[in-house]
């Protein structure tokens, strides 16, 4: 089992809109495909910079091949949509992790 995590740095004036967009659009759209499971969104408390907030969005995925297919079919498009809406006010970087225990 793998965990696909994306950490987002969000400018303070966009935080409310980002959270709404994630909850009402992004997470439901990802779940519709059925490739990524168990979505979780958390606020990152340990790396707070004034004027911004950080969030982690995580999904479980069976393997990297399935994640690659998801990225080609949906992930790249969702990232592009996010960039059109939030421009440089939201920046995300992905991390792929393996569950050990």
PDB file of N, CA and C in Angstrom:
ATOM      1  N   UNK A   1       0.851  -1.181   0.000  1.00  0.00           N
ATOM      2  CA  UNK A   1       0.000   0.000   0.000  1.00  0.00           C
ATOM      3  C   UNK A   1       0.887   1.231   0.000  1.00  0.00           C
ATOM      4  N   UNK A   2       0.522   2.207  -0.842  1.00  0.00           N
ATOM      5  CA  UNK A   2       1.241   3.464  -0.937  1.00  0.00           C
ATOM      6  C   UNK A   2       0.337   4.609  -0.504  1.00  0.00           C
ATOM      7  N   UNK A   3       0.960   5.664  -0.042  1.00  0.00           N
ATOM      8  CA  UNK A   3       0.238   6.892   0.271  1.00  0.00           C
ATOM      9  C   UNK A   3       0.753   7.971  -0.665  1.00  0.00           C
ATOM     10  N   UNK A   4      -0.167   8.584  -1.383  1.00  0.00           N
ATOM     11  CA  UNK A   4       0.163   9.697  -2.260  1.00  0.00           C
ATOM     12  C   UNK A   4      -0.212  10.976  -1.520  1.00  0.00           C
ATOM     13  N   UNK A   5       0.801  11.749  -1.162  1.00  0.00           N
ATOM     14  CA  UNK A   5       0.629  12.966  -0.382  1.00  0.00           C
ATOM     15  C   UNK A   5       0.987  14.169  -1.249  1.00  0.00           C
ATOM     16  N   UNK A   6       0.186  15.213  -1.161  1.00  0.00           N
ATOM     17  CA  UNK A   6       0.570  16.488  -1.756  1.00  0.00           C
ATOM     18  C   UNK A   6       0.487  17.537  -0.665  1.00  0.00           C
ATOM     19  N   UNK A   7       1.581  18.260  -0.488  1.00  0.00           N
ATOM     20  CA  UNK A   7       1.641  19.342   0.475  1.00  0.00           C
ATOM     21  C   UNK A   7       1.413  20.650  -0.276  1.00  0.00           C
ATOM     22  N   UNK A   8       0.469  21.433   0.221  1.00  0.00           N
ATOM     23  CA  UNK A   8       0.120  22.705  -0.425  1.00  0.00           C
ATOM     24  C   UNK A   8       0.480  23.878   0.485  1.00  0.00           C
ATOM     25  N   UNK A   9       1.110  24.861  -0.114  1.00  0.00           N
ATOM     26  CA  UNK A   9       1.395  26.134   0.541  1.00  0.00           C
ATOM     27  C   UNK A   9       0.382  27.126  -0.032  1.00  0.00           C
ATOM     28  N   UNK A  10      -0.450  27.697   0.843  1.00  0.00           N
ATOM     29  CA  UNK A  10      -1.575  28.534   0.405  1.00  0.00           C
ATOM     30  C   UNK A  10      -1.460  29.919   1.026  1.00  0.00           C
ATOM     31  N   UNK A  11      -1.502  30.937   0.189  1.00  0.00           N
ATOM     32  CA  UNK A  11      -1.478  32.297   0.711  1.00  0.00           C
ATOM     33  C   UNK A  11      -2.743  32.553   1.519  1.00  0.00           C
ATOM     34  N   UNK A  12      -2.577  33.300   2.591  1.00  0.00           N
ATOM     35  CA  UNK A  12      -3.642  33.526   3.569  1.00  0.00           C
ATOM     36  C   UNK A  12      -4.952  34.003   2.952  1.00  0.00           C
ATOM     37  N   UNK A  13      -4.896  34.896   1.970  1.00  0.00           N
ATOM     38  CA  UNK A  13      -6.133  35.437   1.394  1.00  0.00           C
ATOM     39  C   UNK A  13      -6.880  34.418   0.536  1.00  0.00           C
ATOM     40  N   UNK A  14      -6.251  33.269   0.240  1.00  0.00           N
ATOM     41  CA  UNK A  14      -6.878  32.230  -0.577  1.00  0.00           C
ATOM     42  C   UNK A  14      -7.278  30.993   0.230  1.00  0.00           C
ATOM     43  N   UNK A  15      -6.953  30.976   1.504  1.00  0.00           N
ATOM     44  CA  UNK A  15      -7.167  29.778   2.323  1.00  0.00           C
ATOM     45  C   UNK A  15      -8.619  29.312   2.318  1.00  0.00           C
ATOM     46  N   UNK A  16      -9.554  30.213   2.568  1.00  0.00           N
ATOM     47  CA  UNK A  16     -10.974  29.842   2.607  1.00  0.00           C
ATOM     48  C   UNK A  16     -11.429  29.259   1.270  1.00  0.00           C
ATOM     49  N   UNK A  17     -11.042  29.902   0.177  1.00  0.00           N
ATOM     50  CA  UNK A  17     -11.450  29.461  -1.156  1.00  0.00           C
ATOM     51  C   UNK A  17     -10.792  28.122  -1.530  1.00  0.00           C
ATOM     52  N   UNK A  18      -9.541  27.974  -1.130  1.00  0.00           N
ATOM     53  CA  UNK A  18      -8.833  26.723  -1.385  1.00  0.00           C
ATOM     54  C   UNK A  18      -9.518  25.555  -0.670  1.00  0.00           C
ATOM     55  N   UNK A  19      -9.856  25.742   0.600  1.00  0.00           N
ATOM     56  CA  UNK A  19     -10.511  24.675   1.369  1.00  0.00           C
ATOM     57  C   UNK A  19     -11.864  24.310   0.764  1.00  0.00           C
ATOM     58  N   UNK A  20     -12.627  25.306   0.360  1.00  0.00           N
ATOM     59  CA  UNK A  20     -13.926  25.036  -0.270  1.00  0.00           C
ATOM     60  C   UNK A  20     -13.726  24.277  -1.572  1.00  0.00           C
ATOM     61  N   UNK A  21     -12.786  24.729  -2.404  1.00  0.00           N
ATOM     62  CA  UNK A  21     -12.537  24.081  -3.689  1.00  0.00           C
ATOM     63  C   UNK A  21     -12.101  22.636  -3.502  1.00  0.00           C
ATOM     64  N   UNK A  22     -11.235  22.399  -2.542  1.00  0.00           N
ATOM     65  CA  UNK A  22     -10.768  21.033  -2.282  1.00  0.00           C
ATOM     66  C   UNK A  22     -11.922  20.135  -1.833  1.00  0.00           C
ATOM     67  N   UNK A  23     -12.716  20.609  -0.892  1.00  0.00           N
ATOM     68  CA  UNK A  23     -13.793  19.798  -0.323  1.00  0.00           C
ATOM     69  C   UNK A  23     -14.956  19.597  -1.286  1.00  0.00           C
ATOM     70  N   UNK A  24     -15.279  20.617  -2.051  1.00  0.00           N
ATOM     71  CA  UNK A  24     -16.463  20.532  -2.912  1.00  0.00           C
ATOM     72  C   UNK A  24     -16.158  20.067  -4.326  1.00  0.00           C
ATOM     73  N   UNK A  25     -14.908  20.187  -4.762  1.00  0.00           N
ATOM     74  CA  UNK A  25     -14.598  19.805  -6.136  1.00  0.00           C
ATOM     75  C   UNK A  25     -13.484  18.764  -6.233  1.00  0.00           C
ATOM     76  N   UNK A  26     -12.303  19.107  -5.789  1.00  0.00           N
ATOM     77  CA  UNK A  26     -11.136  18.258  -6.001  1.00  0.00           C
ATOM     78  C   UNK A  26     -11.305  16.855  -5.392  1.00  0.00           C
ATOM     79  N   UNK A  27     -11.570  16.783  -4.102  1.00  0.00           N
ATOM     80  CA  UNK A  27     -11.688  15.465  -3.448  1.00  0.00           C
ATOM     81  C   UNK A  27     -12.812  14.624  -4.049  1.00  0.00           C
ATOM     82  N   UNK A  28     -14.014  15.177  -4.274  1.00  0.00           N
ATOM     83  CA  UNK A  28     -15.065  14.370  -4.909  1.00  0.00           C
ATOM     84  C   UNK A  28     -14.692  13.896  -6.318  1.00  0.00           C
ATOM     85  N   UNK A  29     -14.012  14.749  -7.095  1.00  0.00           N
ATOM     86  CA  UNK A  29     -13.604  14.355  -8.443  1.00  0.00           C
ATOM     87  C   UNK A  29     -12.607  13.203  -8.408  1.00  0.00           C
ATOM     88  N   UNK A  30     -11.660  13.268  -7.501  1.00  0.00           N
ATOM     89  CA  UNK A  30     -10.674  12.184  -7.390  1.00  0.00           C
ATOM     90  C   UNK A  30     -11.375  10.882  -6.997  1.00  0.00           C
ATOM     91  N   UNK A  31     -12.280  10.954  -6.063  1.00  0.00           N
ATOM     92  CA  UNK A  31     -12.981   9.750  -5.611  1.00  0.00           C
ATOM     93  C   UNK A  31     -13.826   9.112  -6.717  1.00  0.00           C
ATOM     94  N   UNK A  32     -14.359   9.916  -7.626  1.00  0.00           N
ATOM     95  CA  UNK A  32     -15.178   9.381  -8.719  1.00  0.00           C
ATOM     96  C   UNK A  32     -14.412   8.378  -9.576  1.00  0.00           C
ATOM     97  N   UNK A  33     -13.126   8.607  -9.789  1.00  0.00           N
ATOM     98  CA  UNK A  33     -12.305   7.708 -10.622  1.00  0.00           C
ATOM     99  C   UNK A  33     -12.112   6.350  -9.964  1.00  0.00           C
ATOM    100  N   UNK A  34     -12.100   6.309  -8.639  1.00  0.00           N
ATOM    101  CA  UNK A  34     -11.958   5.038  -7.934  1.00  0.00           C
ATOM    102  C   UNK A  34     -10.547   4.465  -7.899  1.00  0.00           C
ATOM    103  N   UNK A  35      -9.560   5.241  -8.321  1.00  0.00           N
ATOM    104  CA  UNK A  35      -8.179   4.746  -8.307  1.00  0.00           C
ATOM    105  C   UNK A  35      -7.466   5.067  -6.994  1.00  0.00           C
ATOM    106  N   UNK A  36      -7.806   6.206  -6.414  1.00  0.00           N
ATOM    107  CA  UNK A  36      -7.230   6.628  -5.147  1.00  0.00           C
ATOM    108  C   UNK A  36      -8.314   6.530  -4.085  1.00  0.00           C
ATOM    109  N   UNK A  37      -7.924   6.110  -2.883  1.00  0.00           N
ATOM    110  CA  UNK A  37      -8.899   5.836  -1.823  1.00  0.00           C
ATOM    111  C   UNK A  37      -8.520   6.542  -0.525  1.00  0.00           C
ATOM    112  N   UNK A  38      -9.462   6.562   0.399  1.00  0.00           N
ATOM    113  CA  UNK A  38      -9.272   7.064   1.755  1.00  0.00           C
ATOM    114  C   UNK A  38      -8.686   8.468   1.788  1.00  0.00           C
ATOM    115  N   UNK A  39      -9.359   9.442   1.178  1.00  0.00           N
ATOM    116  CA  UNK A  39      -8.820  10.800   1.183  1.00  0.00           C
ATOM    117  C   UNK A  39      -8.764  11.385   2.589  1.00  0.00           C
ATOM    118  N   UNK A  40      -7.728  12.156   2.808  1.00  0.00           N
ATOM    119  CA  UNK A  40      -7.556  12.824   4.105  1.00  0.00           C
ATOM    120  C   UNK A  40      -6.902  14.169   3.838  1.00  0.00           C
ATOM    121  N   UNK A  41      -7.422  15.197   4.469  1.00  0.00           N
ATOM    122  CA  UNK A  41      -6.828  16.527   4.350  1.00  0.00           C
ATOM    123  C   UNK A  41      -6.524  17.039   5.741  1.00  0.00           C
ATOM    124  N   UNK A  42      -5.293  17.492   5.927  1.00  0.00           N
ATOM    125  CA  UNK A  42      -4.884  17.978   7.242  1.00  0.00           C
ATOM    126  C   UNK A  42      -4.203  19.335   7.114  1.00  0.00           C
ATOM    127  N   UNK A  43      -4.270  20.093   8.191  1.00  0.00           N
ATOM    128  CA  UNK A  43      -3.533  21.354   8.273  1.00  0.00           C
ATOM    129  C   UNK A  43      -2.162  21.027   8.867  1.00  0.00           C
ATOM    130  N   UNK A  44      -1.113  21.545   8.270  1.00  0.00           N
ATOM    131  CA  UNK A  44       0.244  21.330   8.780  1.00  0.00           C
ATOM    132  C   UNK A  44       0.552  22.443   9.776  1.00  0.00           C
ATOM    133  N   UNK A  45       0.848  22.055  10.993  1.00  0.00           N
ATOM    134  CA  UNK A  45       1.075  23.027  12.060  1.00  0.00           C
ATOM    135  C   UNK A  45       2.552  23.340  12.273  1.00  0.00           C
ATOM    136  N   UNK A  46       3.418  22.441  11.876  1.00  0.00           N
ATOM    137  CA  UNK A  46       4.837  22.581  12.217  1.00  0.00           C
ATOM    138  C   UNK A  46       5.605  23.530  11.311  1.00  0.00           C
ATOM    139  N   UNK A  47       5.066  23.913  10.178  1.00  0.00           N
ATOM    140  CA  UNK A  47       5.784  24.779   9.245  1.00  0.00           C
ATOM    141  C   UNK A  47       4.923  25.986   8.877  1.00  0.00           C
ATOM    142  N   UNK A  48       4.610  26.760   9.865  1.00  0.00           N
ATOM    143  CA  UNK A  48       3.735  27.916   9.626  1.00  0.00           C
ATOM    144  C   UNK A  48       4.569  29.148   9.308  1.00  0.00           C
ATOM    145  N   UNK A  49       4.258  29.762   8.174  1.00  0.00           N
ATOM    146  CA  UNK A  49       4.871  31.028   7.797  1.00  0.00           C
ATOM    147  C   UNK A  49       3.790  32.094   7.853  1.00  0.00           C
ATOM    148  N   UNK A  50       4.138  33.255   8.354  1.00  0.00           N
ATOM    149  CA  UNK A  50       3.165  34.339   8.448  1.00  0.00           C
ATOM    150  C   UNK A  50       2.612  34.674   7.067  1.00  0.00           C
ATOM    151  N   UNK A  51       1.294  34.806   7.004  1.00  0.00           N
ATOM    152  CA  UNK A  51       0.654  35.152   5.746  1.00  0.00           C
ATOM    153  C   UNK A  51       0.286  33.959   4.885  1.00  0.00           C
ATOM    154  N   UNK A  52       0.474  32.757   5.415  1.00  0.00           N
ATOM    155  CA  UNK A  52       0.149  31.569   4.629  1.00  0.00           C
ATOM    156  C   UNK A  52      -0.245  30.411   5.547  1.00  0.00           C
ATOM    157  N   UNK A  53      -0.754  29.361   4.918  1.00  0.00           N
ATOM    158  CA  UNK A  53      -1.110  28.133   5.620  1.00  0.00           C
ATOM    159  C   UNK A  53      -0.625  26.966   4.776  1.00  0.00           C
ATOM    160  N   UNK A  54      -0.367  25.840   5.423  1.00  0.00           N
ATOM    161  CA  UNK A  54       0.058  24.642   4.700  1.00  0.00           C
ATOM    162  C   UNK A  54      -0.907  23.507   4.999  1.00  0.00           C
ATOM    163  N   UNK A  55      -1.199  22.726   3.965  1.00  0.00           N
ATOM    164  CA  UNK A  55      -2.119  21.601   4.076  1.00  0.00           C
ATOM    165  C   UNK A  55      -1.506  20.375   3.428  1.00  0.00           C
ATOM    166  N   UNK A  56      -1.912  19.223   3.918  1.00  0.00           N
ATOM    167  CA  UNK A  56      -1.510  17.948   3.335  1.00  0.00           C
ATOM    168  C   UNK A  56      -2.772  17.224   2.884  1.00  0.00           C
ATOM    169  N   UNK A  57      -2.749  16.763   1.641  1.00  0.00           N
ATOM    170  CA  UNK A  57      -3.857  15.969   1.101  1.00  0.00           C
ATOM    171  C   UNK A  57      -3.291  14.600   0.770  1.00  0.00           C
ATOM    172  N   UNK A  58      -3.895  13.561   1.357  1.00  0.00           N
ATOM    173  CA  UNK A  58      -3.373  12.203   1.196  1.00  0.00           C
ATOM    174  C   UNK A  58      -4.443  11.258   0.673  1.00  0.00           C
ATOM    175  N   UNK A  59      -3.976  10.325  -0.156  1.00  0.00           N
ATOM    176  CA  UNK A  59      -4.813   9.242  -0.662  1.00  0.00           C
ATOM    177  C   UNK A  59      -4.024   7.947  -0.559  1.00  0.00           C
ATOM    178  N   UNK A  60      -4.725   6.852  -0.413  1.00  0.00           N
ATOM    179  CA  UNK A  60      -4.105   5.541  -0.500  1.00  0.00           C
ATOM    180  C   UNK A  60      -4.237   5.056  -1.936  1.00  0.00           C
ATOM    181  N   UNK A  61      -3.201   4.364  -2.412  1.00  0.00           N
ATOM    182  CA  UNK A  61      -3.199   3.827  -3.772  1.00  0.00           C
ATOM    183  C   UNK A  61      -2.465   2.492  -3.738  1.00  0.00           C
ATOM    184  N   UNK A  62      -2.933   1.538  -4.535  1.00  0.00           N
ATOM    185  CA  UNK A  62      -2.373   0.189  -4.500  1.00  0.00           C
ATOM    186  C   UNK A  62      -0.912   0.133  -4.922  1.00  0.00           C
ATOM    187  N   UNK A  63      -0.576   0.819  -6.022  1.00  0.00           N
ATOM    188  CA  UNK A  63       0.809   0.763  -6.492  1.00  0.00           C
ATOM    189  C   UNK A  63       1.109   1.980  -7.357  1.00  0.00           C
ATOM    190  N   UNK A  64       2.371   2.154  -7.706  1.00  0.00           N
ATOM    191  CA  UNK A  64       2.783   3.329  -8.468  1.00  0.00           C
ATOM    192  C   UNK A  64       2.265   3.300  -9.906  1.00  0.00           C
ATOM    193  N   UNK A  65       2.017   2.123 -10.453  1.00  0.00           N
ATOM    194  CA  UNK A  65       1.469   2.031 -11.808  1.00  0.00           C
ATOM    195  C   UNK A  65       0.062   2.631 -11.846  1.00  0.00           C
ATOM    196  N   UNK A  66      -0.754   2.284 -10.866  1.00  0.00           N
ATOM    197  CA  UNK A  66      -2.107   2.836 -10.786  1.00  0.00           C
ATOM    198  C   UNK A  66      -2.056   4.348 -10.576  1.00  0.00           C
ATOM    199  N   UNK A  67      -1.144   4.813  -9.743  1.00  0.00           N
ATOM    200  CA  UNK A  67      -0.998   6.246  -9.524  1.00  0.00           C
ATOM    201  C   UNK A  67      -0.603   6.950 -10.822  1.00  0.00           C
ATOM    202  N   UNK A  68       0.290   6.350 -11.567  1.00  0.00           N
ATOM    203  CA  UNK A  68       0.709   6.925 -12.848  1.00  0.00           C
ATOM    204  C   UNK A  68      -0.491   7.040 -13.799  1.00  0.00           C
ATOM    205  N   UNK A  69      -1.310   6.004 -13.866  1.00  0.00           N
ATOM    206  CA  UNK A  69      -2.509   6.040 -14.710  1.00  0.00           C
ATOM    207  C   UNK A  69      -3.465   7.144 -14.250  1.00  0.00           C
ATOM    208  N   UNK A  70      -3.639   7.267 -12.935  1.00  0.00           N
ATOM    209  CA  UNK A  70      -4.506   8.324 -12.407  1.00  0.00           C
ATOM    210  C   UNK A  70      -3.973   9.693 -12.813  1.00  0.00           C
ATOM    211  N   UNK A  71      -2.667   9.868 -12.677  1.00  0.00           N
ATOM    212  CA  UNK A  71      -2.068  11.162 -13.024  1.00  0.00           C
ATOM    213  C   UNK A  71      -2.321  11.505 -14.496  1.00  0.00           C
ATOM    214  N   UNK A  72      -2.153  10.540 -15.380  1.00  0.00           N
ATOM    215  CA  UNK A  72      -2.374  10.774 -16.805  1.00  0.00           C
ATOM    216  C   UNK A  72      -3.836  11.044 -17.122  1.00  0.00           C
ATOM    217  N   UNK A  73      -4.740  10.306 -16.462  1.00  0.00           N
ATOM    218  CA  UNK A  73      -6.168  10.415 -16.753  1.00  0.00           C
ATOM    219  C   UNK A  73      -6.842  11.592 -16.062  1.00  0.00           C
ATOM    220  N   UNK A  74      -6.335  11.968 -14.871  1.00  0.00           N
ATOM    221  CA  UNK A  74      -7.053  12.980 -14.105  1.00  0.00           C
ATOM    222  C   UNK A  74      -6.149  13.954 -13.356  1.00  0.00           C
ATOM    223  N   UNK A  75      -5.099  13.467 -12.763  1.00  0.00           N
ATOM    224  CA  UNK A  75      -4.272  14.287 -11.876  1.00  0.00           C
ATOM    225  C   UNK A  75      -3.704  15.529 -12.536  1.00  0.00           C
ATOM    226  N   UNK A  76      -3.142  15.386 -13.725  1.00  0.00           N
ATOM    227  CA  UNK A  76      -2.558  16.535 -14.421  1.00  0.00           C
ATOM    228  C   UNK A  76      -3.625  17.584 -14.728  1.00  0.00           C
ATOM    229  N   UNK A  77      -4.806  17.139 -15.123  1.00  0.00           N
ATOM    230  CA  UNK A  77      -5.903  18.061 -15.431  1.00  0.00           C
ATOM    231  C   UNK A  77      -6.345  18.827 -14.185  1.00  0.00           C
ATOM    232  N   UNK A  78      -6.469  18.121 -13.050  1.00  0.00           N
ATOM    233  CA  UNK A  78      -6.867  18.800 -11.812  1.00  0.00           C
ATOM    234  C   UNK A  78      -5.823  19.810 -11.371  1.00  0.00           C
ATOM    235  N   UNK A  79      -4.564  19.469 -11.524  1.00  0.00           N
ATOM    236  CA  UNK A  79      -3.486  20.400 -11.173  1.00  0.00           C
ATOM    237  C   UNK A  79      -3.541  21.641 -12.057  1.00  0.00           C
ATOM    238  N   UNK A  80      -3.808  21.439 -13.326  1.00  0.00           N
ATOM    239  CA  UNK A  80      -3.923  22.557 -14.265  1.00  0.00           C
ATOM    240  C   UNK A  80      -5.099  23.461 -13.888  1.00  0.00           C
ATOM    241  N   UNK A  81      -6.220  22.861 -13.524  1.00  0.00           N
ATOM    242  CA  UNK A  81      -7.388  23.644 -13.109  1.00  0.00           C
ATOM    243  C   UNK A  81      -7.068  24.459 -11.863  1.00  0.00           C
ATOM    244  N   UNK A  82      -6.369  23.832 -10.914  1.00  0.00           N
ATOM    245  CA  UNK A  82      -6.005  24.525  -9.681  1.00  0.00           C
ATOM    246  C   UNK A  82      -5.101  25.717  -9.993  1.00  0.00           C
ATOM    247  N   UNK A  83      -4.165  25.535 -10.892  1.00  0.00           N
ATOM    248  CA  UNK A  83      -3.253  26.623 -11.254  1.00  0.00           C
ATOM    249  C   UNK A  83      -3.985  27.764 -11.944  1.00  0.00           C
ATOM    250  N   UNK A  84      -4.989  27.446 -12.750  1.00  0.00           N
ATOM    251  CA  UNK A  84      -5.777  28.490 -13.411  1.00  0.00           C
ATOM    252  C   UNK A  84      -6.548  29.326 -12.391  1.00  0.00           C
ATOM    253  N   UNK A  85      -7.073  28.658 -11.372  1.00  0.00           N
ATOM    254  CA  UNK A  85      -7.888  29.336 -10.365  1.00  0.00           C
ATOM    255  C   UNK A  85      -7.031  30.141  -9.391  1.00  0.00           C
ATOM    256  N   UNK A  86      -5.999  29.491  -8.829  1.00  0.00           N
ATOM    257  CA  UNK A  86      -5.241  30.098  -7.730  1.00  0.00           C
ATOM    258  C   UNK A  86      -3.907  30.705  -8.150  1.00  0.00           C
ATOM    259  N   UNK A  87      -3.476  30.428  -9.371  1.00  0.00           N
ATOM    260  CA  UNK A  87      -2.206  30.927  -9.895  1.00  0.00           C
ATOM    261  C   UNK A  87      -1.069  30.612  -8.922  1.00  0.00           C
ATOM    262  N   UNK A  88      -0.212  31.585  -8.620  1.00  0.00           N
ATOM    263  CA  UNK A  88       0.937  31.321  -7.743  1.00  0.00           C
ATOM    264  C   UNK A  88       0.585  31.409  -6.258  1.00  0.00           C
ATOM    265  N   UNK A  89      -0.685  31.619  -5.952  1.00  0.00           N
ATOM    266  CA  UNK A  89      -1.104  31.737  -4.549  1.00  0.00           C
ATOM    267  C   UNK A  89      -1.251  30.385  -3.860  1.00  0.00           C
ATOM    268  N   UNK A  90      -1.255  29.308  -4.638  1.00  0.00           N
ATOM    269  CA  UNK A  90      -1.268  27.940  -4.103  1.00  0.00           C
ATOM    270  C   UNK A  90      -0.194  27.153  -4.843  1.00  0.00           C
ATOM    271  N   UNK A  91       0.715  26.584  -4.074  1.00  0.00           N
ATOM    272  CA  UNK A  91       1.789  25.784  -4.655  1.00  0.00           C
ATOM    273  C   UNK A  91       1.784  24.429  -3.965  1.00  0.00           C
ATOM    274  N   UNK A  92       1.822  23.365  -4.755  1.00  0.00           N
ATOM    275  CA  UNK A  92       1.809  22.019  -4.185  1.00  0.00           C
ATOM    276  C   UNK A  92       2.990  21.209  -4.651  1.00  0.00           C
ATOM    277  N   UNK A  93       3.442  20.287  -3.774  1.00  0.00           N
ATOM    278  CA  UNK A  93       4.467  19.342  -4.206  1.00  0.00           C
ATOM    279  C   UNK A  93       4.104  17.959  -3.685  1.00  0.00           C
ATOM    280  N   UNK A  94       4.205  16.958  -4.563  1.00  0.00           N
ATOM    281  CA  UNK A  94       3.782  15.595  -4.227  1.00  0.00           C
ATOM    282  C   UNK A  94       4.908  14.774  -3.598  1.00  0.00           C
ATOM    283  N   UNK A  95       4.493  13.808  -2.795  1.00  0.00           N
ATOM    284  CA  UNK A  95       5.395  12.830  -2.193  1.00  0.00           C
ATOM    285  C   UNK A  95       4.703  11.476  -2.233  1.00  0.00           C
ATOM    286  N   UNK A  96       5.403  10.465  -2.653  1.00  0.00           N
ATOM    287  CA  UNK A  96       4.876   9.105  -2.653  1.00  0.00           C
ATOM    288  C   UNK A  96       5.542   8.346  -1.513  1.00  0.00           C
ATOM    289  N   UNK A  97       4.735   7.740  -0.657  1.00  0.00           N
ATOM    290  CA  UNK A  97       5.250   7.062   0.530  1.00  0.00           C
ATOM    291  C   UNK A  97       4.742   5.624   0.561  1.00  0.00           C
ATOM    292  N   UNK A  98       5.543   4.741   1.110  1.00  0.00           N
ATOM    293  CA  UNK A  98       5.172   3.330   1.261  1.00  0.00           C
ATOM    294  C   UNK A  98       4.817   3.069   2.720  1.00  0.00           C
ATOM    295  N   UNK A  99       3.675   2.412   2.940  1.00  0.00           N
ATOM    296  CA  UNK A  99       3.269   2.044   4.286  1.00  0.00           C
ATOM    297  C   UNK A  99       4.095   0.833   4.718  1.00  0.00           C
ATOM    298  N   UNK A 100       4.785   0.958   5.836  1.00  0.00           N
ATOM    299  CA  UNK A 100       5.633  -0.116   6.357  1.00  0.00           C
ATOM    300  C   UNK A 100       4.874  -0.942   7.398  1.00  0.00           C
ATOM    301  N   UNK A 101       4.241  -0.284   8.336  1.00  0.00           N
ATOM    302  CA  UNK A 101       3.507  -0.981   9.410  1.00  0.00           C
ATOM    303  C   UNK A 101       2.073  -0.543   9.397  1.00  0.00           C
TER     304      UNK A 101
END
